Amino acid sequence: MRIIGGEAKGRKLFFPSGLKERPTSDFIRETLFNVLGPLQYRTFIDLFAGSGSVGLEAASRGAQEVCFVEKNIKLAEIAKKNISACCYDKICFIVAKDVEHALRDIYKKKRRFDIVFADPPYNKNLVKATLNILNKYQVVKKEGTIVIQHSIKENIPDIRLENVHLIDHRKYGENVLTFFKWRKDNGR
């Protein structure tokens, strides 16, 4: 696994073998960042971050701040190791908690993000749950983007949340990237 674009392009990332978690593929990461476009002056949060490959890709492509949320302590340590290996200690930080508790704490600290990326464990009905948590703890800046990577087996029903609007849905083999826009004027 490696960084595929930006200033750290080619940098190898650590990922422990034998884990049931799967890192986001190079192809999906490349597609994601092609759709998102330039990241300069933008903030990024990587939910269910695993070893941190998506968040580190964002940092490599110019994000000014990247937050990683990962409750698995072993994976959070690997993400920390990857952050240091890429020399992004000054712009990246890790919250080693489950997504709901992490977002609650981040919300209380009044931190907000331009882009939220979430890659919850597949086929556990966590897409809507993640959106509900984001709706409860509004850490997305006005007109921010939420991207959720999920299995094609997980249908995205008509999600009806006041602040979250589906804008794009892209399938790649067994994977889907679903893009939402945060529309609430929440003073940010």
N, C-alpha and C. Protein backbone atom coordinates (compact mmCIF):
# COMPACT_ATOMS: atom_id res chain seq x y z
N MET A 1 0.86 -1.16 0.00
CA MET A 1 0.00 0.00 0.00
C MET A 1 0.91 1.22 0.00
N ARG A 2 0.50 2.26 -0.77
CA ARG A 2 1.34 3.44 -0.91
C ARG A 2 0.48 4.67 -1.16
N ILE A 3 1.08 5.84 -1.01
CA ILE A 3 0.42 7.10 -1.37
C ILE A 3 0.49 7.20 -2.89
N ILE A 4 -0.61 7.55 -3.54
CA ILE A 4 -0.63 7.52 -5.01
C ILE A 4 -0.62 8.89 -5.67
N GLY A 5 -0.71 9.97 -4.88
CA GLY A 5 -0.68 11.30 -5.49
C GLY A 5 -0.18 12.35 -4.51
N GLY A 6 0.19 13.50 -5.05
CA GLY A 6 0.61 14.61 -4.21
C GLY A 6 2.07 14.54 -3.81
N GLU A 7 2.43 15.34 -2.81
CA GLU A 7 3.84 15.48 -2.44
C GLU A 7 4.46 14.22 -1.83
N ALA A 8 3.67 13.33 -1.26
CA ALA A 8 4.20 12.09 -0.69
C ALA A 8 4.00 10.90 -1.62
N LYS A 9 3.71 11.16 -2.88
CA LYS A 9 3.46 10.10 -3.86
C LYS A 9 4.57 9.05 -3.82
N GLY A 10 4.16 7.79 -3.76
CA GLY A 10 5.10 6.68 -3.75
C GLY A 10 5.50 6.22 -2.36
N ARG A 11 5.21 7.01 -1.34
CA ARG A 11 5.58 6.65 0.03
C ARG A 11 4.82 5.39 0.44
N LYS A 12 5.54 4.40 0.93
CA LYS A 12 4.90 3.15 1.36
C LYS A 12 4.26 3.34 2.72
N LEU A 13 3.09 2.71 2.88
CA LEU A 13 2.35 2.76 4.14
C LEU A 13 2.35 1.38 4.78
N PHE A 14 2.32 1.37 6.11
CA PHE A 14 2.26 0.12 6.85
C PHE A 14 0.81 -0.33 6.97
N PHE A 15 0.59 -1.63 6.84
CA PHE A 15 -0.71 -2.22 7.13
C PHE A 15 -0.46 -3.63 7.62
N PRO A 16 -0.88 -3.91 8.85
CA PRO A 16 -0.57 -5.23 9.41
C PRO A 16 -1.32 -6.35 8.68
N SER A 17 -0.63 -7.44 8.47
CA SER A 17 -1.29 -8.59 7.84
C SER A 17 -2.12 -9.32 8.88
N GLY A 18 -3.07 -10.09 8.41
CA GLY A 18 -3.87 -10.91 9.30
C GLY A 18 -5.07 -10.21 9.92
N LEU A 19 -5.33 -8.97 9.55
CA LEU A 19 -6.51 -8.28 10.06
C LEU A 19 -7.68 -8.49 9.12
N LYS A 20 -8.89 -8.48 9.68
CA LYS A 20 -10.08 -8.63 8.84
C LYS A 20 -10.41 -7.33 8.11
N GLU A 21 -9.92 -6.19 8.61
CA GLU A 21 -10.15 -4.91 7.95
C GLU A 21 -9.42 -4.90 6.61
N ARG A 22 -9.96 -4.16 5.65
CA ARG A 22 -9.33 -4.07 4.35
C ARG A 22 -9.06 -2.60 4.05
N PRO A 23 -7.85 -2.30 3.57
CA PRO A 23 -7.56 -0.91 3.23
C PRO A 23 -8.28 -0.50 1.94
N THR A 24 -8.53 0.78 1.80
CA THR A 24 -9.14 1.29 0.57
C THR A 24 -8.13 1.14 -0.56
N SER A 25 -8.56 0.57 -1.67
CA SER A 25 -7.66 0.29 -2.79
C SER A 25 -7.12 1.57 -3.42
N ASP A 26 -5.98 1.43 -4.11
CA ASP A 26 -5.40 2.56 -4.85
C ASP A 26 -6.41 3.13 -5.84
N PHE A 27 -7.10 2.24 -6.55
CA PHE A 27 -8.06 2.69 -7.56
C PHE A 27 -9.18 3.54 -6.95
N ILE A 28 -9.74 3.08 -5.84
CA ILE A 28 -10.83 3.83 -5.19
C ILE A 28 -10.31 5.16 -4.67
N ARG A 29 -9.11 5.16 -4.05
CA ARG A 29 -8.54 6.43 -3.57
C ARG A 29 -8.30 7.40 -4.72
N GLU A 30 -7.75 6.92 -5.81
CA GLU A 30 -7.50 7.79 -6.98
C GLU A 30 -8.81 8.37 -7.49
N THR A 31 -9.82 7.54 -7.61
CA THR A 31 -11.13 7.99 -8.08
C THR A 31 -11.71 9.03 -7.12
N LEU A 32 -11.67 8.75 -5.83
CA LEU A 32 -12.19 9.66 -4.81
C LEU A 32 -11.57 11.04 -4.96
N PHE A 33 -10.25 11.10 -5.03
CA PHE A 33 -9.58 12.40 -5.06
C PHE A 33 -9.70 13.09 -6.41
N ASN A 34 -9.90 12.34 -7.47
CA ASN A 34 -10.19 12.97 -8.77
C ASN A 34 -11.54 13.68 -8.71
N VAL A 35 -12.52 13.06 -8.06
CA VAL A 35 -13.85 13.67 -7.94
C VAL A 35 -13.81 14.88 -7.00
N LEU A 36 -13.10 14.75 -5.88
CA LEU A 36 -13.05 15.84 -4.90
C LEU A 36 -12.30 17.07 -5.42
N GLY A 37 -11.33 16.86 -6.27
CA GLY A 37 -10.57 17.98 -6.81
C GLY A 37 -9.54 18.50 -5.82
N PRO A 38 -9.05 19.73 -6.04
CA PRO A 38 -7.98 20.28 -5.20
C PRO A 38 -8.39 20.37 -3.72
N LEU A 39 -7.43 20.10 -2.86
CA LEU A 39 -7.71 20.09 -1.42
C LEU A 39 -7.03 21.23 -0.66
N GLN A 40 -6.28 22.07 -1.35
CA GLN A 40 -5.60 23.16 -0.67
C GLN A 40 -6.61 23.99 0.13
N TYR A 41 -6.21 24.36 1.35
CA TYR A 41 -7.02 25.18 2.27
C TYR A 41 -8.28 24.47 2.75
N ARG A 42 -8.37 23.17 2.54
CA ARG A 42 -9.55 22.43 2.98
C ARG A 42 -9.17 21.49 4.13
N THR A 43 -10.14 21.22 4.98
CA THR A 43 -9.94 20.31 6.10
C THR A 43 -10.65 19.00 5.80
N PHE A 44 -10.13 17.91 6.34
CA PHE A 44 -10.57 16.57 5.96
C PHE A 44 -10.64 15.71 7.22
N ILE A 45 -11.70 14.92 7.36
CA ILE A 45 -11.80 13.95 8.45
C ILE A 45 -12.07 12.58 7.85
N ASP A 46 -11.31 11.60 8.31
CA ASP A 46 -11.37 10.22 7.83
C ASP A 46 -11.96 9.36 8.96
N LEU A 47 -13.23 8.99 8.81
CA LEU A 47 -13.92 8.17 9.81
C LEU A 47 -13.72 6.69 9.49
N PHE A 48 -13.58 5.87 10.53
CA PHE A 48 -13.24 4.45 10.36
C PHE A 48 -11.92 4.38 9.58
N ALA A 49 -10.94 5.13 10.03
CA ALA A 49 -9.72 5.42 9.27
C ALA A 49 -8.80 4.24 9.04
N GLY A 50 -8.89 3.20 9.86
CA GLY A 50 -7.98 2.08 9.68
C GLY A 50 -6.53 2.53 9.80
N SER A 51 -5.72 2.18 8.83
CA SER A 51 -4.30 2.54 8.85
C SER A 51 -4.04 3.96 8.36
N GLY A 52 -5.10 4.64 7.92
CA GLY A 52 -4.98 6.05 7.56
C GLY A 52 -4.68 6.35 6.11
N SER A 53 -4.81 5.40 5.22
CA SER A 53 -4.40 5.63 3.83
C SER A 53 -5.20 6.75 3.15
N VAL A 54 -6.49 6.85 3.41
CA VAL A 54 -7.30 7.88 2.74
C VAL A 54 -6.96 9.27 3.29
N GLY A 55 -6.89 9.39 4.61
CA GLY A 55 -6.53 10.67 5.20
C GLY A 55 -5.13 11.12 4.81
N LEU A 56 -4.19 10.19 4.74
CA LEU A 56 -2.84 10.54 4.32
C LEU A 56 -2.79 10.95 2.86
N GLU A 57 -3.62 10.33 2.05
CA GLU A 57 -3.73 10.75 0.64
C GLU A 57 -4.22 12.20 0.58
N ALA A 58 -5.19 12.54 1.44
CA ALA A 58 -5.69 13.92 1.49
C ALA A 58 -4.58 14.88 1.90
N ALA A 59 -3.80 14.51 2.91
CA ALA A 59 -2.69 15.36 3.36
C ALA A 59 -1.67 15.53 2.23
N SER A 60 -1.35 14.45 1.55
CA SER A 60 -0.39 14.50 0.45
C SER A 60 -0.86 15.41 -0.68
N ARG A 61 -2.17 15.49 -0.84
CA ARG A 61 -2.75 16.30 -1.92
C ARG A 61 -3.10 17.71 -1.46
N GLY A 62 -2.62 18.12 -0.29
CA GLY A 62 -2.70 19.51 0.10
C GLY A 62 -3.69 19.89 1.18
N ALA A 63 -4.43 18.95 1.77
CA ALA A 63 -5.36 19.31 2.84
C ALA A 63 -4.58 20.01 3.96
N GLN A 64 -5.16 21.05 4.53
CA GLN A 64 -4.44 21.81 5.56
C GLN A 64 -4.50 21.15 6.93
N GLU A 65 -5.52 20.32 7.16
CA GLU A 65 -5.65 19.59 8.42
C GLU A 65 -6.41 18.31 8.15
N VAL A 66 -5.94 17.21 8.77
CA VAL A 66 -6.61 15.92 8.59
C VAL A 66 -6.77 15.27 9.96
N CYS A 67 -8.01 14.85 10.24
CA CYS A 67 -8.32 14.12 11.47
C CYS A 67 -8.64 12.68 11.10
N PHE A 68 -8.11 11.74 11.88
CA PHE A 68 -8.35 10.32 11.69
C PHE A 68 -9.14 9.82 12.90
N VAL A 69 -10.25 9.14 12.66
CA VAL A 69 -11.03 8.54 13.74
C VAL A 69 -10.99 7.03 13.56
N GLU A 70 -10.42 6.35 14.56
CA GLU A 70 -10.29 4.89 14.50
C GLU A 70 -10.34 4.35 15.92
N LYS A 71 -11.32 3.49 16.20
CA LYS A 71 -11.46 2.95 17.57
C LYS A 71 -10.53 1.78 17.86
N ASN A 72 -10.10 1.05 16.83
CA ASN A 72 -9.20 -0.08 17.01
C ASN A 72 -7.80 0.48 17.35
N ILE A 73 -7.36 0.25 18.57
CA ILE A 73 -6.10 0.83 19.05
C ILE A 73 -4.92 0.39 18.19
N LYS A 74 -4.90 -0.88 17.77
CA LYS A 74 -3.80 -1.37 16.93
C LYS A 74 -3.75 -0.61 15.61
N LEU A 75 -4.91 -0.41 14.99
CA LEU A 75 -4.94 0.34 13.73
C LEU A 75 -4.63 1.82 13.94
N ALA A 76 -5.10 2.39 15.05
CA ALA A 76 -4.78 3.79 15.34
C ALA A 76 -3.26 3.97 15.49
N GLU A 77 -2.59 2.99 16.09
CA GLU A 77 -1.13 3.06 16.22
C GLU A 77 -0.45 2.95 14.85
N ILE A 78 -0.99 2.11 13.98
CA ILE A 78 -0.45 2.00 12.62
C ILE A 78 -0.65 3.32 11.88
N ALA A 79 -1.83 3.93 12.04
CA ALA A 79 -2.08 5.23 11.40
C ALA A 79 -1.08 6.26 11.90
N LYS A 80 -0.82 6.25 13.20
CA LYS A 80 0.15 7.19 13.78
C LYS A 80 1.54 6.96 13.17
N LYS A 81 1.92 5.70 13.03
CA LYS A 81 3.21 5.35 12.42
C LYS A 81 3.27 5.84 10.97
N ASN A 82 2.15 5.66 10.23
CA ASN A 82 2.10 6.12 8.84
C ASN A 82 2.16 7.65 8.75
N ILE A 83 1.50 8.34 9.66
CA ILE A 83 1.54 9.80 9.68
C ILE A 83 2.98 10.27 9.88
N SER A 84 3.67 9.67 10.82
CA SER A 84 5.07 10.04 11.08
C SER A 84 5.96 9.70 9.89
N ALA A 85 5.74 8.55 9.28
CA ALA A 85 6.56 8.15 8.12
C ALA A 85 6.39 9.12 6.95
N CYS A 86 5.22 9.73 6.86
CA CYS A 86 4.96 10.69 5.78
C CYS A 86 5.28 12.14 6.20
N CYS A 87 5.73 12.31 7.44
CA CYS A 87 6.10 13.63 7.98
C CYS A 87 4.92 14.60 8.03
N TYR A 88 3.74 14.09 8.40
CA TYR A 88 2.55 14.93 8.50
C TYR A 88 2.08 15.12 9.95
N ASP A 89 2.99 14.99 10.90
CA ASP A 89 2.64 15.10 12.31
C ASP A 89 2.03 16.48 12.66
N LYS A 90 2.41 17.51 11.92
CA LYS A 90 1.93 18.87 12.24
C LYS A 90 0.52 19.15 11.73
N ILE A 91 0.07 18.41 10.74
CA ILE A 91 -1.27 18.70 10.19
C ILE A 91 -2.28 17.58 10.43
N CYS A 92 -1.82 16.46 10.98
CA CYS A 92 -2.71 15.31 11.21
C CYS A 92 -2.84 15.00 12.69
N PHE A 93 -4.05 14.59 13.08
CA PHE A 93 -4.25 14.13 14.44
C PHE A 93 -5.23 12.96 14.45
N ILE A 94 -5.08 12.12 15.47
CA ILE A 94 -5.88 10.89 15.58
C ILE A 94 -6.78 10.98 16.80
N VAL A 95 -8.02 10.56 16.64
CA VAL A 95 -8.94 10.39 17.76
C VAL A 95 -9.24 8.90 17.84
N ALA A 96 -8.73 8.25 18.87
CA ALA A 96 -8.85 6.79 19.01
C ALA A 96 -10.10 6.46 19.83
N LYS A 97 -11.26 6.68 19.21
CA LYS A 97 -12.55 6.40 19.82
C LYS A 97 -13.49 5.91 18.72
N ASP A 98 -14.65 5.41 19.14
CA ASP A 98 -15.65 5.07 18.13
C ASP A 98 -16.17 6.37 17.52
N VAL A 99 -16.77 6.26 16.35
CA VAL A 99 -17.16 7.44 15.58
C VAL A 99 -18.10 8.36 16.37
N GLU A 100 -19.10 7.82 17.04
CA GLU A 100 -20.04 8.70 17.73
C GLU A 100 -19.37 9.50 18.85
N HIS A 101 -18.57 8.84 19.67
CA HIS A 101 -17.90 9.56 20.76
C HIS A 101 -16.86 10.54 20.23
N ALA A 102 -16.16 10.16 19.18
CA ALA A 102 -15.17 11.05 18.58
C ALA A 102 -15.84 12.30 18.02
N LEU A 103 -16.92 12.12 17.26
CA LEU A 103 -17.60 13.28 16.67
C LEU A 103 -18.23 14.16 17.75
N ARG A 104 -18.72 13.56 18.81
CA ARG A 104 -19.26 14.36 19.92
C ARG A 104 -18.16 15.26 20.49
N ASP A 105 -16.99 14.69 20.73
CA ASP A 105 -15.88 15.46 21.29
C ASP A 105 -15.40 16.55 20.32
N ILE A 106 -15.31 16.20 19.06
CA ILE A 106 -14.87 17.16 18.04
C ILE A 106 -15.88 18.30 17.93
N TYR A 107 -17.15 17.96 17.96
CA TYR A 107 -18.22 18.97 17.89
C TYR A 107 -18.13 19.93 19.07
N LYS A 108 -17.92 19.39 20.27
CA LYS A 108 -17.81 20.23 21.47
C LYS A 108 -16.62 21.18 21.38
N LYS A 109 -15.58 20.77 20.68
CA LYS A 109 -14.39 21.62 20.52
C LYS A 109 -14.55 22.61 19.36
N LYS A 110 -15.72 22.58 18.72
CA LYS A 110 -16.06 23.48 17.62
C LYS A 110 -15.13 23.33 16.40
N ARG A 111 -14.65 22.12 16.18
CA ARG A 111 -13.85 21.84 14.98
C ARG A 111 -14.80 21.43 13.87
N ARG A 112 -14.56 21.95 12.68
CA ARG A 112 -15.42 21.66 11.54
C ARG A 112 -14.56 21.31 10.33
N PHE A 113 -15.13 20.52 9.43
CA PHE A 113 -14.38 19.99 8.29
C PHE A 113 -15.11 20.24 6.98
N ASP A 114 -14.30 20.48 5.94
CA ASP A 114 -14.84 20.67 4.59
C ASP A 114 -15.27 19.35 3.97
N ILE A 115 -14.49 18.30 4.26
CA ILE A 115 -14.75 16.99 3.66
C ILE A 115 -14.75 15.93 4.75
N VAL A 116 -15.80 15.11 4.75
CA VAL A 116 -15.89 13.96 5.64
C VAL A 116 -15.86 12.71 4.76
N PHE A 117 -14.92 11.83 5.03
CA PHE A 117 -14.88 10.54 4.35
C PHE A 117 -15.12 9.46 5.39
N ALA A 118 -16.01 8.52 5.08
CA ALA A 118 -16.30 7.41 6.00
C ALA A 118 -16.26 6.10 5.23
N ASP A 119 -15.57 5.14 5.80
CA ASP A 119 -15.48 3.80 5.22
C ASP A 119 -15.83 2.80 6.33
N PRO A 120 -17.13 2.77 6.72
CA PRO A 120 -17.51 1.86 7.80
C PRO A 120 -17.41 0.41 7.36
N PRO A 121 -17.30 -0.51 8.32
CA PRO A 121 -17.28 -1.93 7.97
C PRO A 121 -18.47 -2.27 7.06
N TYR A 122 -18.20 -3.03 6.04
CA TYR A 122 -19.21 -3.36 5.04
C TYR A 122 -20.32 -4.26 5.60
N ASN A 123 -21.50 -4.08 5.01
CA ASN A 123 -22.67 -4.93 5.23
C ASN A 123 -23.11 -5.00 6.69
N LYS A 124 -22.99 -3.89 7.40
CA LYS A 124 -23.45 -3.82 8.79
C LYS A 124 -24.44 -2.69 8.98
N ASN A 125 -25.00 -2.20 7.89
CA ASN A 125 -26.00 -1.12 7.93
C ASN A 125 -25.48 0.13 8.66
N LEU A 126 -24.23 0.47 8.42
CA LEU A 126 -23.63 1.62 9.10
C LEU A 126 -23.66 2.91 8.29
N VAL A 127 -24.11 2.85 7.05
CA VAL A 127 -24.15 4.06 6.23
C VAL A 127 -25.13 5.07 6.83
N LYS A 128 -26.36 4.65 7.02
CA LYS A 128 -27.36 5.57 7.58
C LYS A 128 -27.01 5.95 9.02
N ALA A 129 -26.50 5.01 9.79
CA ALA A 129 -26.10 5.31 11.17
C ALA A 129 -25.02 6.39 11.19
N THR A 130 -24.07 6.29 10.27
CA THR A 130 -22.99 7.29 10.19
C THR A 130 -23.56 8.66 9.83
N LEU A 131 -24.46 8.69 8.87
CA LEU A 131 -25.09 9.97 8.48
C LEU A 131 -25.90 10.55 9.64
N ASN A 132 -26.59 9.70 10.39
CA ASN A 132 -27.34 10.18 11.55
C ASN A 132 -26.42 10.79 12.61
N ILE A 133 -25.27 10.16 12.83
CA ILE A 133 -24.31 10.70 13.79
C ILE A 133 -23.77 12.04 13.31
N LEU A 134 -23.48 12.14 12.02
CA LEU A 134 -23.01 13.42 11.46
C LEU A 134 -24.09 14.49 11.56
N ASN A 135 -25.34 14.09 11.44
CA ASN A 135 -26.44 15.04 11.58
C ASN A 135 -26.59 15.49 13.04
N LYS A 136 -26.32 14.57 13.97
CA LYS A 136 -26.42 14.89 15.39
C LYS A 136 -25.26 15.78 15.84
N TYR A 137 -24.05 15.43 15.43
CA TYR A 137 -22.85 16.20 15.79
C TYR A 137 -22.34 16.86 14.50
N GLN A 138 -22.78 18.05 14.27
CA GLN A 138 -22.58 18.72 13.00
C GLN A 138 -21.16 19.27 12.87
N VAL A 139 -20.26 18.40 12.42
CA VAL A 139 -18.85 18.76 12.26
C VAL A 139 -18.52 19.10 10.81
N VAL A 140 -19.54 19.13 9.96
CA VAL A 140 -19.34 19.43 8.54
C VAL A 140 -19.59 20.92 8.32
N LYS A 141 -18.65 21.57 7.65
CA LYS A 141 -18.82 23.00 7.34
C LYS A 141 -19.97 23.18 6.35
N LYS A 142 -20.55 24.37 6.34
CA LYS A 142 -21.61 24.70 5.39
C LYS A 142 -21.14 24.39 3.97
N GLU A 143 -21.97 23.70 3.22
CA GLU A 143 -21.67 23.26 1.85
C GLU A 143 -20.53 22.24 1.79
N GLY A 144 -20.24 21.60 2.92
CA GLY A 144 -19.22 20.57 2.95
C GLY A 144 -19.67 19.30 2.24
N THR A 145 -18.73 18.44 1.99
CA THR A 145 -18.99 17.19 1.27
C THR A 145 -18.79 16.01 2.21
N ILE A 146 -19.70 15.06 2.12
CA ILE A 146 -19.60 13.79 2.86
C ILE A 146 -19.51 12.69 1.81
N VAL A 147 -18.52 11.82 1.95
CA VAL A 147 -18.37 10.69 1.04
C VAL A 147 -18.36 9.42 1.88
N ILE A 148 -19.21 8.48 1.50
CA ILE A 148 -19.22 7.20 2.20
C ILE A 148 -18.90 6.08 1.21
N GLN A 149 -17.89 5.29 1.57
CA GLN A 149 -17.54 4.11 0.79
C GLN A 149 -18.27 2.94 1.40
N HIS A 150 -18.94 2.16 0.56
CA HIS A 150 -19.70 1.02 1.08
C HIS A 150 -19.83 -0.06 0.02
N SER A 151 -20.35 -1.19 0.43
CA SER A 151 -20.55 -2.33 -0.44
C SER A 151 -21.76 -2.10 -1.35
N ILE A 152 -21.73 -2.68 -2.55
CA ILE A 152 -22.89 -2.58 -3.43
C ILE A 152 -24.09 -3.32 -2.84
N LYS A 153 -23.84 -4.22 -1.88
CA LYS A 153 -24.92 -4.95 -1.23
C LYS A 153 -25.72 -4.06 -0.27
N GLU A 154 -25.15 -2.93 0.09
CA GLU A 154 -25.82 -2.00 0.99
C GLU A 154 -26.55 -0.96 0.16
N ASN A 155 -27.84 -1.12 0.06
CA ASN A 155 -28.63 -0.15 -0.69
C ASN A 155 -28.74 1.14 0.09
N ILE A 156 -28.59 2.23 -0.61
CA ILE A 156 -28.79 3.53 0.02
C ILE A 156 -30.24 3.90 -0.25
N PRO A 157 -31.08 3.71 0.75
CA PRO A 157 -32.48 4.09 0.54
C PRO A 157 -32.57 5.61 0.43
N ASP A 158 -33.70 6.10 0.13
CA ASP A 158 -33.88 7.54 0.11
C ASP A 158 -33.64 8.06 1.51
N ILE A 159 -32.42 8.46 1.73
CA ILE A 159 -32.06 8.98 3.05
C ILE A 159 -32.65 10.36 3.17
N ARG A 160 -33.48 10.52 4.14
CA ARG A 160 -34.17 11.79 4.32
C ARG A 160 -33.69 12.44 5.62
N LEU A 161 -32.62 13.15 5.49
CA LEU A 161 -32.11 13.94 6.60
C LEU A 161 -32.18 15.40 6.17
N GLU A 162 -32.57 16.24 7.07
CA GLU A 162 -32.79 17.64 6.75
C GLU A 162 -31.56 18.31 6.13
N ASN A 163 -30.37 17.97 6.59
CA ASN A 163 -29.17 18.68 6.19
C ASN A 163 -28.32 17.96 5.16
N VAL A 164 -28.62 16.71 4.87
CA VAL A 164 -27.77 15.88 4.03
C VAL A 164 -28.51 15.54 2.74
N HIS A 165 -27.87 15.86 1.61
CA HIS A 165 -28.51 15.64 0.31
C HIS A 165 -27.59 14.82 -0.60
N LEU A 166 -28.12 13.72 -1.13
CA LEU A 166 -27.39 12.86 -2.05
C LEU A 166 -27.09 13.63 -3.33
N ILE A 167 -25.81 13.62 -3.76
CA ILE A 167 -25.46 14.33 -5.00
C ILE A 167 -24.84 13.42 -6.05
N ASP A 168 -24.28 12.27 -5.64
CA ASP A 168 -23.64 11.39 -6.62
C ASP A 168 -23.49 10.00 -6.01
N HIS A 169 -23.46 9.00 -6.89
CA HIS A 169 -23.41 7.61 -6.46
C HIS A 169 -22.61 6.87 -7.53
N ARG A 170 -21.40 6.39 -7.21
CA ARG A 170 -20.54 5.76 -8.22
C ARG A 170 -20.15 4.35 -7.79
N LYS A 171 -20.39 3.40 -8.70
CA LYS A 171 -20.08 1.99 -8.41
C LYS A 171 -18.78 1.59 -9.09
N TYR A 172 -17.96 0.83 -8.35
CA TYR A 172 -16.69 0.31 -8.84
C TYR A 172 -16.56 -1.12 -8.35
N GLY A 173 -16.96 -2.07 -9.19
CA GLY A 173 -16.92 -3.47 -8.78
C GLY A 173 -17.85 -3.69 -7.59
N GLU A 174 -17.33 -4.17 -6.49
CA GLU A 174 -18.10 -4.44 -5.28
C GLU A 174 -18.21 -3.21 -4.36
N ASN A 175 -17.58 -2.11 -4.77
CA ASN A 175 -17.52 -0.91 -3.94
C ASN A 175 -18.36 0.22 -4.53
N VAL A 176 -18.84 1.07 -3.64
CA VAL A 176 -19.60 2.25 -4.06
C VAL A 176 -19.06 3.46 -3.29
N LEU A 177 -18.93 4.57 -3.97
CA LEU A 177 -18.68 5.85 -3.33
C LEU A 177 -19.95 6.66 -3.48
N THR A 178 -20.55 7.05 -2.36
CA THR A 178 -21.76 7.85 -2.38
C THR A 178 -21.41 9.22 -1.80
N PHE A 179 -21.74 10.27 -2.56
CA PHE A 179 -21.39 11.64 -2.21
C PHE A 179 -22.64 12.39 -1.75
N PHE A 180 -22.51 13.09 -0.66
CA PHE A 180 -23.59 13.91 -0.11
C PHE A 180 -23.08 15.34 0.06
N LYS A 181 -23.99 16.28 0.07
CA LYS A 181 -23.66 17.68 0.35
C LYS A 181 -24.38 18.07 1.63
N TRP A 182 -23.65 18.78 2.49
CA TRP A 182 -24.21 19.32 3.72
C TRP A 182 -24.79 20.68 3.38
N ARG A 183 -26.08 20.87 3.59
CA ARG A 183 -26.75 22.07 3.14
C ARG A 183 -27.20 23.02 4.24
N LYS A 184 -27.01 22.67 5.48
CA LYS A 184 -27.53 23.52 6.57
C LYS A 184 -26.65 24.75 6.77
N ASP A 185 -27.27 25.87 6.95
CA ASP A 185 -26.54 27.08 7.32
C ASP A 185 -26.38 27.04 8.83
N ASN A 186 -25.27 26.46 9.26
CA ASN A 186 -25.05 26.26 10.69
C ASN A 186 -24.03 27.24 11.25
N GLY A 187 -23.88 28.37 10.59
CA GLY A 187 -23.02 29.41 11.11
C GLY A 187 -21.54 29.15 10.94
N ARG A 188 -21.16 28.24 10.05
CA ARG A 188 -19.74 27.93 9.86
C ARG A 188 -19.31 28.25 8.46
